mmCIF file of all heavy atoms, coordinates in Angstrom:
data_MODEL
# 
_entry.id   MODEL 
# 
loop_
_atom_site.group_PDB 
_atom_site.id 
_atom_site.type_symbol 
_atom_site.label_atom_id 
_atom_site.label_alt_id 
_atom_site.label_comp_id 
_atom_site.label_asym_id 
_atom_site.label_entity_id 
_atom_site.label_seq_id 
_atom_site.pdbx_PDB_ins_code 
_atom_site.Cartn_x 
_atom_site.Cartn_y 
_atom_site.Cartn_z 
_atom_site.occupancy 
_atom_site.B_iso_or_equiv 
_atom_site.pdbx_formal_charge 
_atom_site.auth_seq_id 
_atom_site.auth_comp_id 
_atom_site.auth_asym_id 
_atom_site.auth_atom_id 
_atom_site.pdbx_PDB_model_num 
ATOM 1   N N   . GLY A 1 1  ? -0.410  82.389  41.653 1.00 0.00 ? 1  GLY A N   1 
ATOM 2   C CA  . GLY A 1 1  ? 0.056   83.543  40.875 1.00 0.00 ? 1  GLY A CA  1 
ATOM 3   C C   . GLY A 1 1  ? -0.793  84.780  41.153 1.00 0.00 ? 1  GLY A C   1 
ATOM 4   O O   . GLY A 1 1  ? -0.273  85.836  41.443 1.00 0.00 ? 1  GLY A O   1 
ATOM 5   N N   . ILE A 1 2  ? -2.141  84.659  41.174 1.00 0.00 ? 2  ILE A N   1 
ATOM 6   C CA  . ILE A 1 2  ? -3.003  85.803  41.367 1.00 0.00 ? 2  ILE A CA  1 
ATOM 7   C C   . ILE A 1 2  ? -2.853  86.266  42.798 1.00 0.00 ? 2  ILE A C   1 
ATOM 8   O O   . ILE A 1 2  ? -2.738  87.510  43.075 1.00 0.00 ? 2  ILE A O   1 
ATOM 9   C CB  . ILE A 1 2  ? -4.449  85.415  41.102 1.00 0.00 ? 2  ILE A CB  1 
ATOM 10  C CG1 . ILE A 1 2  ? -4.672  85.064  39.674 1.00 0.00 ? 2  ILE A CG1 1 
ATOM 11  C CG2 . ILE A 1 2  ? -5.446  86.555  41.490 1.00 0.00 ? 2  ILE A CG2 1 
ATOM 12  C CD1 . ILE A 1 2  ? -6.013  84.545  39.221 1.00 0.00 ? 2  ILE A CD1 1 
ATOM 13  N N   . LEU A 1 3  ? -2.765  85.391  43.744 1.00 0.00 ? 3  LEU A N   1 
ATOM 14  C CA  . LEU A 1 3  ? -2.590  85.730  45.129 1.00 0.00 ? 3  LEU A CA  1 
ATOM 15  C C   . LEU A 1 3  ? -1.242  86.376  45.354 1.00 0.00 ? 3  LEU A C   1 
ATOM 16  O O   . LEU A 1 3  ? -1.088  87.366  46.116 1.00 0.00 ? 3  LEU A O   1 
ATOM 17  C CB  . LEU A 1 3  ? -2.770  84.565  46.077 1.00 0.00 ? 3  LEU A CB  1 
ATOM 18  C CG  . LEU A 1 3  ? -4.185  83.978  46.221 1.00 0.00 ? 3  LEU A CG  1 
ATOM 19  C CD1 . LEU A 1 3  ? -4.173  82.642  46.883 1.00 0.00 ? 3  LEU A CD1 1 
ATOM 20  C CD2 . LEU A 1 3  ? -5.033  85.006  47.010 1.00 0.00 ? 3  LEU A CD2 1 
ATOM 21  N N   . GLY A 1 4  ? -0.175  85.841  44.781 1.00 0.00 ? 4  GLY A N   1 
ATOM 22  C CA  . GLY A 1 4  ? 1.138   86.395  44.991 1.00 0.00 ? 4  GLY A CA  1 
ATOM 23  C C   . GLY A 1 4  ? 1.247   87.833  44.541 1.00 0.00 ? 4  GLY A C   1 
ATOM 24  O O   . GLY A 1 4  ? 1.838   88.710  45.184 1.00 0.00 ? 4  GLY A O   1 
ATOM 25  N N   . VAL A 1 5  ? 0.718   88.123  43.338 1.00 0.00 ? 5  VAL A N   1 
ATOM 26  C CA  . VAL A 1 5  ? 0.721   89.445  42.805 1.00 0.00 ? 5  VAL A CA  1 
ATOM 27  C C   . VAL A 1 5  ? -0.100  90.409  43.624 1.00 0.00 ? 5  VAL A C   1 
ATOM 28  O O   . VAL A 1 5  ? 0.296   91.533  43.929 1.00 0.00 ? 5  VAL A O   1 
ATOM 29  C CB  . VAL A 1 5  ? 0.275   89.456  41.300 1.00 0.00 ? 5  VAL A CB  1 
ATOM 30  C CG1 . VAL A 1 5  ? 0.151   90.959  40.809 1.00 0.00 ? 5  VAL A CG1 1 
ATOM 31  C CG2 . VAL A 1 5  ? 1.248   88.688  40.487 1.00 0.00 ? 5  VAL A CG2 1 
ATOM 32  N N   . GLY A 1 6  ? -1.259  89.928  44.086 1.00 0.00 ? 6  GLY A N   1 
ATOM 33  C CA  . GLY A 1 6  ? -2.195  90.840  44.770 1.00 0.00 ? 6  GLY A CA  1 
ATOM 34  C C   . GLY A 1 6  ? -1.944  90.945  46.300 1.00 0.00 ? 6  GLY A C   1 
ATOM 35  O O   . GLY A 1 6  ? -2.628  91.746  46.905 1.00 0.00 ? 6  GLY A O   1 
ATOM 36  N N   . MET A 1 7  ? -1.016  90.248  46.844 1.00 0.00 ? 7  MET A N   1 
ATOM 37  C CA  . MET A 1 7  ? -0.890  90.225  48.345 1.00 0.00 ? 7  MET A CA  1 
ATOM 38  C C   . MET A 1 7  ? -0.304  91.526  48.920 1.00 0.00 ? 7  MET A C   1 
ATOM 39  O O   . MET A 1 7  ? -0.409  91.745  50.123 1.00 0.00 ? 7  MET A O   1 
ATOM 40  C CB  . MET A 1 7  ? -0.074  89.031  48.803 1.00 0.00 ? 7  MET A CB  1 
ATOM 41  C CG  . MET A 1 7  ? 1.386   89.076  48.331 1.00 0.00 ? 7  MET A CG  1 
ATOM 42  S SD  . MET A 1 7  ? 2.227   87.480  48.554 1.00 0.00 ? 7  MET A SD  1 
ATOM 43  C CE  . MET A 1 7  ? 2.404   87.371  50.336 1.00 0.00 ? 7  MET A CE  1 
ATOM 44  N N   . GLY A 1 8  ? 0.252   92.372  48.094 1.00 0.00 ? 8  GLY A N   1 
ATOM 45  C CA  . GLY A 1 8  ? 0.773   93.644  48.610 1.00 0.00 ? 8  GLY A CA  1 
ATOM 46  C C   . GLY A 1 8  ? -0.271  94.746  48.620 1.00 0.00 ? 8  GLY A C   1 
ATOM 47  O O   . GLY A 1 8  ? 0.067   95.847  49.197 1.00 0.00 ? 8  GLY A O   1 
ATOM 48  N N   . SER A 1 9  ? -1.470  94.502  48.187 1.00 0.00 ? 9  SER A N   1 
ATOM 49  C CA  . SER A 1 9  ? -2.522  95.517  48.184 1.00 0.00 ? 9  SER A CA  1 
ATOM 50  C C   . SER A 1 9  ? -3.521  95.236  49.277 1.00 0.00 ? 9  SER A C   1 
ATOM 51  O O   . SER A 1 9  ? -3.816  94.062  49.566 1.00 0.00 ? 9  SER A O   1 
ATOM 52  C CB  . SER A 1 9  ? -3.204  95.541  46.801 1.00 0.00 ? 9  SER A CB  1 
ATOM 53  O OG  . SER A 1 9  ? -4.339  96.441  46.821 1.00 0.00 ? 9  SER A OG  1 
ATOM 54  N N   . SER A 1 10 ? -4.148  96.347  49.790 1.00 0.00 ? 10 SER A N   1 
ATOM 55  C CA  . SER A 1 10 ? -5.255  96.134  50.701 1.00 0.00 ? 10 SER A CA  1 
ATOM 56  C C   . SER A 1 10 ? -6.493  95.763  49.984 1.00 0.00 ? 10 SER A C   1 
ATOM 57  O O   . SER A 1 10 ? -7.484  95.368  50.632 1.00 0.00 ? 10 SER A O   1 
ATOM 58  C CB  . SER A 1 10 ? -5.428  97.486  51.460 1.00 0.00 ? 10 SER A CB  1 
ATOM 59  O OG  . SER A 1 10 ? -5.794  98.519  50.575 1.00 0.00 ? 10 SER A OG  1 
ATOM 60  N N   . ARG A 1 11 ? -6.533  95.891  48.709 1.00 0.00 ? 11 ARG A N   1 
ATOM 61  C CA  . ARG A 1 11 ? -7.698  95.568  47.887 1.00 0.00 ? 11 ARG A CA  1 
ATOM 62  C C   . ARG A 1 11 ? -7.369  94.239  47.163 1.00 0.00 ? 11 ARG A C   1 
ATOM 63  O O   . ARG A 1 11 ? -6.592  94.243  46.182 1.00 0.00 ? 11 ARG A O   1 
ATOM 64  C CB  . ARG A 1 11 ? -8.038  96.674  46.901 1.00 0.00 ? 11 ARG A CB  1 
ATOM 65  C CG  . ARG A 1 11 ? -8.209  97.961  47.681 1.00 0.00 ? 11 ARG A CG  1 
ATOM 66  C CD  . ARG A 1 11 ? -8.775  99.072  46.829 1.00 0.00 ? 11 ARG A CD  1 
ATOM 67  N NE  . ARG A 1 11 ? -7.919  99.534  45.764 1.00 0.00 ? 11 ARG A NE  1 
ATOM 68  C CZ  . ARG A 1 11 ? -8.205  100.546 44.948 1.00 0.00 ? 11 ARG A CZ  1 
ATOM 69  N NH1 . ARG A 1 11 ? -9.358  101.225 45.082 1.00 0.00 ? 11 ARG A NH1 1 
ATOM 70  N NH2 . ARG A 1 11 ? -7.401  100.889 43.963 1.00 0.00 ? 11 ARG A NH2 1 
ATOM 71  N N   . LEU A 1 12 ? -7.915  93.136  47.652 1.00 0.00 ? 12 LEU A N   1 
ATOM 72  C CA  . LEU A 1 12 ? -7.460  91.786  47.367 1.00 0.00 ? 12 LEU A CA  1 
ATOM 73  C C   . LEU A 1 12 ? -7.889  91.331  45.967 1.00 0.00 ? 12 LEU A C   1 
ATOM 74  O O   . LEU A 1 12 ? -8.863  91.888  45.415 1.00 0.00 ? 12 LEU A O   1 
ATOM 75  C CB  . LEU A 1 12 ? -7.953  90.852  48.427 1.00 0.00 ? 12 LEU A CB  1 
ATOM 76  C CG  . LEU A 1 12 ? -7.347  91.128  49.820 1.00 0.00 ? 12 LEU A CG  1 
ATOM 77  C CD1 . LEU A 1 12 ? -7.916  90.180  50.866 1.00 0.00 ? 12 LEU A CD1 1 
ATOM 78  C CD2 . LEU A 1 12 ? -5.803  91.045  49.786 1.00 0.00 ? 12 LEU A CD2 1 
ATOM 79  N N   . PRO A 1 13 ? -7.230  90.368  45.394 1.00 0.00 ? 13 PRO A N   1 
ATOM 80  C CA  . PRO A 1 13 ? -7.467  89.934  44.035 1.00 0.00 ? 13 PRO A CA  1 
ATOM 81  C C   . PRO A 1 13 ? -8.740  89.109  43.889 1.00 0.00 ? 13 PRO A C   1 
ATOM 82  O O   . PRO A 1 13 ? -9.390  88.681  44.863 1.00 0.00 ? 13 PRO A O   1 
ATOM 83  C CB  . PRO A 1 13 ? -6.239  89.072  43.732 1.00 0.00 ? 13 PRO A CB  1 
ATOM 84  C CG  . PRO A 1 13 ? -5.779  88.561  45.041 1.00 0.00 ? 13 PRO A CG  1 
ATOM 85  C CD  . PRO A 1 13 ? -6.069  89.642  46.022 1.00 0.00 ? 13 PRO A CD  1 
ATOM 86  N N   . ARG A 1 14 ? -9.133  88.926  42.640 1.00 0.00 ? 14 ARG A N   1 
ATOM 87  C CA  . ARG A 1 14 ? -10.285 88.111  42.265 1.00 0.00 ? 14 ARG A CA  1 
ATOM 88  C C   . ARG A 1 14 ? -9.966  87.354  40.982 1.00 0.00 ? 14 ARG A C   1 
ATOM 89  O O   . ARG A 1 14 ? -9.130  87.762  40.194 1.00 0.00 ? 14 ARG A O   1 
ATOM 90  C CB  . ARG A 1 14 ? -11.525 88.966  41.995 1.00 0.00 ? 14 ARG A CB  1 
ATOM 91  C CG  . ARG A 1 14 ? -11.991 89.860  43.107 1.00 0.00 ? 14 ARG A CG  1 
ATOM 92  C CD  . ARG A 1 14 ? -12.605 89.083  44.258 1.00 0.00 ? 14 ARG A CD  1 
ATOM 93  N NE  . ARG A 1 14 ? -13.315 89.956  45.207 1.00 0.00 ? 14 ARG A NE  1 
ATOM 94  C CZ  . ARG A 1 14 ? -12.711 90.666  46.173 1.00 0.00 ? 14 ARG A CZ  1 
ATOM 95  N NH1 . ARG A 1 14 ? -11.345 90.643  46.259 1.00 0.00 ? 14 ARG A NH1 1 
ATOM 96  N NH2 . ARG A 1 14 ? -13.391 91.455  47.005 1.00 0.00 ? 14 ARG A NH2 1 
ATOM 97  N N   . LEU A 1 15 ? -10.657 86.242  40.766 1.00 0.00 ? 15 LEU A N   1 
ATOM 98  C CA  . LEU A 1 15 ? -10.699 85.572  39.482 1.00 0.00 ? 15 LEU A CA  1 
ATOM 99  C C   . LEU A 1 15 ? -12.156 85.535  39.079 1.00 0.00 ? 15 LEU A C   1 
ATOM 100 O O   . LEU A 1 15 ? -13.008 85.154  39.921 1.00 0.00 ? 15 LEU A O   1 
ATOM 101 C CB  . LEU A 1 15 ? -10.129 84.134  39.596 1.00 0.00 ? 15 LEU A CB  1 
ATOM 102 C CG  . LEU A 1 15 ? -10.278 83.274  38.306 1.00 0.00 ? 15 LEU A CG  1 
ATOM 103 C CD1 . LEU A 1 15 ? -9.360  83.860  37.191 1.00 0.00 ? 15 LEU A CD1 1 
ATOM 104 C CD2 . LEU A 1 15 ? -9.842  81.820  38.620 1.00 0.00 ? 15 LEU A CD2 1 
ATOM 105 N N   . VAL A 1 16 ? -12.465 85.910  37.849 1.00 0.00 ? 16 VAL A N   1 
ATOM 106 C CA  . VAL A 1 16 ? -13.798 85.982  37.383 1.00 0.00 ? 16 VAL A CA  1 
ATOM 107 C C   . VAL A 1 16 ? -13.930 85.154  36.115 1.00 0.00 ? 16 VAL A C   1 
ATOM 108 O O   . VAL A 1 16 ? -13.147 85.264  35.202 1.00 0.00 ? 16 VAL A O   1 
ATOM 109 C CB  . VAL A 1 16 ? -14.257 87.408  37.071 1.00 0.00 ? 16 VAL A CB  1 
ATOM 110 C CG1 . VAL A 1 16 ? -15.691 87.437  36.551 1.00 0.00 ? 16 VAL A CG1 1 
ATOM 111 C CG2 . VAL A 1 16 ? -14.127 88.323  38.334 1.00 0.00 ? 16 VAL A CG2 1 
ATOM 112 N N   . ARG A 1 17 ? -14.957 84.281  36.126 1.00 0.00 ? 17 ARG A N   1 
ATOM 113 C CA  . ARG A 1 17 ? -15.278 83.453  34.904 1.00 0.00 ? 17 ARG A CA  1 
ATOM 114 C C   . ARG A 1 17 ? -16.604 83.962  34.288 1.00 0.00 ? 17 ARG A C   1 
ATOM 115 O O   . ARG A 1 17 ? -17.599 83.992  35.001 1.00 0.00 ? 17 ARG A O   1 
ATOM 116 C CB  . ARG A 1 17 ? -15.393 81.994  35.301 1.00 0.00 ? 17 ARG A CB  1 
ATOM 117 C CG  . ARG A 1 17 ? -15.751 81.087  34.138 1.00 0.00 ? 17 ARG A CG  1 
ATOM 118 C CD  . ARG A 1 17 ? -15.927 79.604  34.678 1.00 0.00 ? 17 ARG A CD  1 
ATOM 119 N NE  . ARG A 1 17 ? -16.241 78.656  33.627 1.00 0.00 ? 17 ARG A NE  1 
ATOM 120 C CZ  . ARG A 1 17 ? -17.408 78.378  33.165 1.00 0.00 ? 17 ARG A CZ  1 
ATOM 121 N NH1 . ARG A 1 17 ? -18.493 79.032  33.579 1.00 0.00 ? 17 ARG A NH1 1 
ATOM 122 N NH2 . ARG A 1 17 ? -17.584 77.474  32.191 1.00 0.00 ? 17 ARG A NH2 1 
ATOM 123 N N   . VAL A 1 18 ? -16.573 84.271  33.044 1.00 0.00 ? 18 VAL A N   1 
ATOM 124 C CA  . VAL A 1 18 ? -17.779 84.798  32.335 1.00 0.00 ? 18 VAL A CA  1 
ATOM 125 C C   . VAL A 1 18 ? -18.002 83.838  31.145 1.00 0.00 ? 18 VAL A C   1 
ATOM 126 O O   . VAL A 1 18 ? -17.091 83.610  30.348 1.00 0.00 ? 18 VAL A O   1 
ATOM 127 C CB  . VAL A 1 18 ? -17.523 86.249  31.804 1.00 0.00 ? 18 VAL A CB  1 
ATOM 128 C CG1 . VAL A 1 18 ? -18.785 86.769  31.190 1.00 0.00 ? 18 VAL A CG1 1 
ATOM 129 C CG2 . VAL A 1 18 ? -17.102 87.112  32.986 1.00 0.00 ? 18 VAL A CG2 1 
ATOM 130 N N   . GLU A 1 19 ? -19.230 83.317  31.066 1.00 0.00 ? 19 GLU A N   1 
ATOM 131 C CA  . GLU A 1 19 ? -19.487 82.290  30.043 1.00 0.00 ? 19 GLU A CA  1 
ATOM 132 C C   . GLU A 1 19 ? -20.747 82.643  29.253 1.00 0.00 ? 19 GLU A C   1 
ATOM 133 O O   . GLU A 1 19 ? -21.808 82.863  29.813 1.00 0.00 ? 19 GLU A O   1 
ATOM 134 C CB  . GLU A 1 19 ? -19.613 80.912  30.606 1.00 0.00 ? 19 GLU A CB  1 
ATOM 135 C CG  . GLU A 1 19 ? -19.858 79.843  29.575 1.00 0.00 ? 19 GLU A CG  1 
ATOM 136 C CD  . GLU A 1 19 ? -20.082 78.454  30.168 1.00 0.00 ? 19 GLU A CD  1 
ATOM 137 O OE1 . GLU A 1 19 ? -21.013 78.310  30.944 1.00 0.00 ? 19 GLU A OE1 1 
ATOM 138 O OE2 . GLU A 1 19 ? -19.324 77.527  29.784 1.00 0.00 ? 19 GLU A OE2 1 
ATOM 139 N N   . TRP A 1 20 ? -20.562 82.661  27.920 1.00 0.00 ? 20 TRP A N   1 
ATOM 140 C CA  . TRP A 1 20 ? -21.731 82.652  26.962 1.00 0.00 ? 20 TRP A CA  1 
ATOM 141 C C   . TRP A 1 20 ? -21.762 81.310  26.355 1.00 0.00 ? 20 TRP A C   1 
ATOM 142 O O   . TRP A 1 20 ? -20.848 80.781  25.733 1.00 0.00 ? 20 TRP A O   1 
ATOM 143 C CB  . TRP A 1 20 ? -21.506 83.711  25.898 1.00 0.00 ? 20 TRP A CB  1 
ATOM 144 C CG  . TRP A 1 20 ? -22.292 83.506  24.597 1.00 0.00 ? 20 TRP A CG  1 
ATOM 145 C CD1 . TRP A 1 20 ? -21.808 83.227  23.383 1.00 0.00 ? 20 TRP A CD1 1 
ATOM 146 C CD2 . TRP A 1 20 ? -23.738 83.528  24.560 1.00 0.00 ? 20 TRP A CD2 1 
ATOM 147 N NE1 . TRP A 1 20 ? -22.844 83.113  22.476 1.00 0.00 ? 20 TRP A NE1 1 
ATOM 148 C CE2 . TRP A 1 20 ? -24.023 83.272  23.154 1.00 0.00 ? 20 TRP A CE2 1 
ATOM 149 C CE3 . TRP A 1 20 ? -24.760 83.723  25.438 1.00 0.00 ? 20 TRP A CE3 1 
ATOM 150 C CZ2 . TRP A 1 20 ? -25.333 83.257  22.708 1.00 0.00 ? 20 TRP A CZ2 1 
ATOM 151 C CZ3 . TRP A 1 20 ? -26.079 83.681  24.965 1.00 0.00 ? 20 TRP A CZ3 1 
ATOM 152 C CH2 . TRP A 1 20 ? -26.349 83.474  23.597 1.00 0.00 ? 20 TRP A CH2 1 
ATOM 153 N N   . LYS A 1 21 ? -22.859 80.582  26.575 1.00 0.00 ? 21 LYS A N   1 
ATOM 154 C CA  . LYS A 1 21 ? -23.011 79.209  26.112 1.00 0.00 ? 21 LYS A CA  1 
ATOM 155 C C   . LYS A 1 21 ? -24.360 79.025  25.489 1.00 0.00 ? 21 LYS A C   1 
ATOM 156 O O   . LYS A 1 21 ? -25.336 78.644  26.110 1.00 0.00 ? 21 LYS A O   1 
ATOM 157 C CB  . LYS A 1 21 ? -22.801 78.222  27.256 1.00 0.00 ? 21 LYS A CB  1 
ATOM 158 C CG  . LYS A 1 21 ? -22.728 76.695  26.833 1.00 0.00 ? 21 LYS A CG  1 
ATOM 159 C CD  . LYS A 1 21 ? -22.455 75.777  27.980 1.00 0.00 ? 21 LYS A CD  1 
ATOM 160 C CE  . LYS A 1 21 ? -22.274 74.383  27.527 1.00 0.00 ? 21 LYS A CE  1 
ATOM 161 N NZ  . LYS A 1 21 ? -21.919 73.472  28.637 1.00 0.00 ? 21 LYS A NZ  1 
ATOM 162 N N   . PRO A 1 22 ? -24.491 79.251  24.187 1.00 0.00 ? 22 PRO A N   1 
ATOM 163 C CA  . PRO A 1 22 ? -25.726 79.130  23.508 1.00 0.00 ? 22 PRO A CA  1 
ATOM 164 C C   . PRO A 1 22 ? -26.123 77.646  23.281 1.00 0.00 ? 22 PRO A C   1 
ATOM 165 O O   . PRO A 1 22 ? -25.285 76.767  23.221 1.00 0.00 ? 22 PRO A O   1 
ATOM 166 C CB  . PRO A 1 22 ? -25.527 79.819  22.149 1.00 0.00 ? 22 PRO A CB  1 
ATOM 167 C CG  . PRO A 1 22 ? -24.033 79.610  21.925 1.00 0.00 ? 22 PRO A CG  1 
ATOM 168 C CD  . PRO A 1 22 ? -23.430 79.671  23.291 1.00 0.00 ? 22 PRO A CD  1 
ATOM 169 N N   . ALA A 1 23 ? -27.441 77.429  23.123 1.00 0.00 ? 23 ALA A N   1 
ATOM 170 C CA  . ALA A 1 23 ? -27.920 76.058  22.933 1.00 0.00 ? 23 ALA A CA  1 
ATOM 171 C C   . ALA A 1 23 ? -27.352 75.432  21.619 1.00 0.00 ? 23 ALA A C   1 
ATOM 172 O O   . ALA A 1 23 ? -27.200 74.236  21.510 1.00 0.00 ? 23 ALA A O   1 
ATOM 173 C CB  . ALA A 1 23 ? -29.438 76.045  22.919 1.00 0.00 ? 23 ALA A CB  1 
ATOM 174 N N   . ASP A 1 24 ? -27.163 76.276  20.608 1.00 0.00 ? 24 ASP A N   1 
ATOM 175 C CA  . ASP A 1 24 ? -26.680 75.806  19.292 1.00 0.00 ? 24 ASP A CA  1 
ATOM 176 C C   . ASP A 1 24 ? -25.164 76.010  19.139 1.00 0.00 ? 24 ASP A C   1 
ATOM 177 O O   . ASP A 1 24 ? -24.702 76.110  18.003 1.00 0.00 ? 24 ASP A O   1 
ATOM 178 C CB  . ASP A 1 24 ? -27.438 76.567  18.188 1.00 0.00 ? 24 ASP A CB  1 
ATOM 179 C CG  . ASP A 1 24 ? -27.189 78.081  18.215 1.00 0.00 ? 24 ASP A CG  1 
ATOM 180 O OD1 . ASP A 1 24 ? -26.726 78.589  19.267 1.00 0.00 ? 24 ASP A OD1 1 
ATOM 181 O OD2 . ASP A 1 24 ? -27.533 78.744  17.248 1.00 0.00 ? 24 ASP A OD2 1 
ATOM 182 N N   . SER A 1 25 ? -24.465 75.891  20.255 1.00 0.00 ? 25 SER A N   1 
ATOM 183 C CA  . SER A 1 25 ? -23.021 76.158  20.173 1.00 0.00 ? 25 SER A CA  1 
ATOM 184 C C   . SER A 1 25 ? -22.278 75.216  19.270 1.00 0.00 ? 25 SER A C   1 
ATOM 185 O O   . SER A 1 25 ? -22.549 74.003  19.279 1.00 0.00 ? 25 SER A O   1 
ATOM 186 C CB  . SER A 1 25 ? -22.415 76.016  21.563 1.00 0.00 ? 25 SER A CB  1 
ATOM 187 O OG  . SER A 1 25 ? -21.019 76.165  21.491 1.00 0.00 ? 25 SER A OG  1 
ATOM 188 N N   . LYS A 1 26 ? -21.380 75.711  18.440 1.00 0.00 ? 26 LYS A N   1 
ATOM 189 C CA  . LYS A 1 26 ? -20.626 74.920  17.436 1.00 0.00 ? 26 LYS A CA  1 
ATOM 190 C C   . LYS A 1 26 ? -19.138 74.921  17.790 1.00 0.00 ? 26 LYS A C   1 
ATOM 191 O O   . LYS A 1 26 ? -18.335 74.623  16.925 1.00 0.00 ? 26 LYS A O   1 
ATOM 192 C CB  . LYS A 1 26 ? -20.823 75.519  16.049 1.00 0.00 ? 26 LYS A CB  1 
ATOM 193 C CG  . LYS A 1 26 ? -22.306 75.370  15.540 1.00 0.00 ? 26 LYS A CG  1 
ATOM 194 C CD  . LYS A 1 26 ? -22.425 75.965  14.139 1.00 0.00 ? 26 LYS A CD  1 
ATOM 195 C CE  . LYS A 1 26 ? -23.798 75.683  13.541 1.00 0.00 ? 26 LYS A CE  1 
ATOM 196 N NZ  . LYS A 1 26 ? -24.845 76.314  14.331 1.00 0.00 ? 26 LYS A NZ  1 
ATOM 197 N N   . GLY A 1 27 ? -18.831 75.183  19.042 1.00 0.00 ? 27 GLY A N   1 
ATOM 198 C CA  . GLY A 1 27 ? -17.391 75.163  19.429 1.00 0.00 ? 27 GLY A CA  1 
ATOM 199 C C   . GLY A 1 27 ? -17.217 75.884  20.692 1.00 0.00 ? 27 GLY A C   1 
ATOM 200 O O   . GLY A 1 27 ? -18.159 76.519  21.266 1.00 0.00 ? 27 GLY A O   1 
ATOM 201 N N   . HIS A 1 28 ? -15.998 75.936  21.237 1.00 0.00 ? 28 HIS A N   1 
ATOM 202 C CA  . HIS A 1 28 ? -15.714 76.569  22.537 1.00 0.00 ? 28 HIS A CA  1 
ATOM 203 C C   . HIS A 1 28 ? -14.334 77.276  22.460 1.00 0.00 ? 28 HIS A C   1 
ATOM 204 O O   . HIS A 1 28 ? -13.341 76.657  22.221 1.00 0.00 ? 28 HIS A O   1 
ATOM 205 C CB  . HIS A 1 28 ? -15.688 75.547  23.654 1.00 0.00 ? 28 HIS A CB  1 
ATOM 206 C CG  . HIS A 1 28 ? -15.424 76.060  24.931 1.00 0.00 ? 28 HIS A CG  1 
ATOM 207 N ND1 . HIS A 1 28 ? -15.146 75.257  26.079 1.00 0.00 ? 28 HIS A ND1 1 
ATOM 208 C CD2 . HIS A 1 28 ? -15.346 77.303  25.490 1.00 0.00 ? 28 HIS A CD2 1 
ATOM 209 C CE1 . HIS A 1 28 ? -14.951 76.001  27.168 1.00 0.00 ? 28 HIS A CE1 1 
ATOM 210 N NE2 . HIS A 1 28 ? -15.007 77.257  26.806 1.00 0.00 ? 28 HIS A NE2 1 
ATOM 211 N N   . VAL A 1 29 ? -14.378 78.612  22.615 1.00 0.00 ? 29 VAL A N   1 
ATOM 212 C CA  . VAL A 1 29 ? -13.181 79.432  22.683 1.00 0.00 ? 29 VAL A CA  1 
ATOM 213 C C   . VAL A 1 29 ? -13.028 79.949  24.100 1.00 0.00 ? 29 VAL A C   1 
ATOM 214 O O   . VAL A 1 29 ? -13.905 80.554  24.674 1.00 0.00 ? 29 VAL A O   1 
ATOM 215 C CB  . VAL A 1 29 ? -13.269 80.606  21.699 1.00 0.00 ? 29 VAL A CB  1 
ATOM 216 C CG1 . VAL A 1 29 ? -11.964 81.434  21.822 1.00 0.00 ? 29 VAL A CG1 1 
ATOM 217 C CG2 . VAL A 1 29 ? -13.455 80.128  20.266 1.00 0.00 ? 29 VAL A CG2 1 
ATOM 218 N N   . ALA A 1 30 ? -11.869 79.694  24.717 1.00 0.00 ? 30 ALA A N   1 
ATOM 219 C CA  . ALA A 1 30 ? -11.580 80.226  26.020 1.00 0.00 ? 30 ALA A CA  1 
ATOM 220 C C   . ALA A 1 30 ? -10.641 81.433  25.872 1.00 0.00 ? 30 ALA A C   1 
ATOM 221 O O   . ALA A 1 30 ? -9.711  81.410  25.032 1.00 0.00 ? 30 ALA A O   1 
ATOM 222 C CB  . ALA A 1 30 ? -10.907 79.126  26.917 1.00 0.00 ? 30 ALA A CB  1 
# 
């Protein structure tokens, strides 16, 4: 999906994962 949308541009796509994971975590929201 990401590649298909971005393949028309000379500036190619990316996927970025950013995670905050504290030691006292009480759950996980994506």
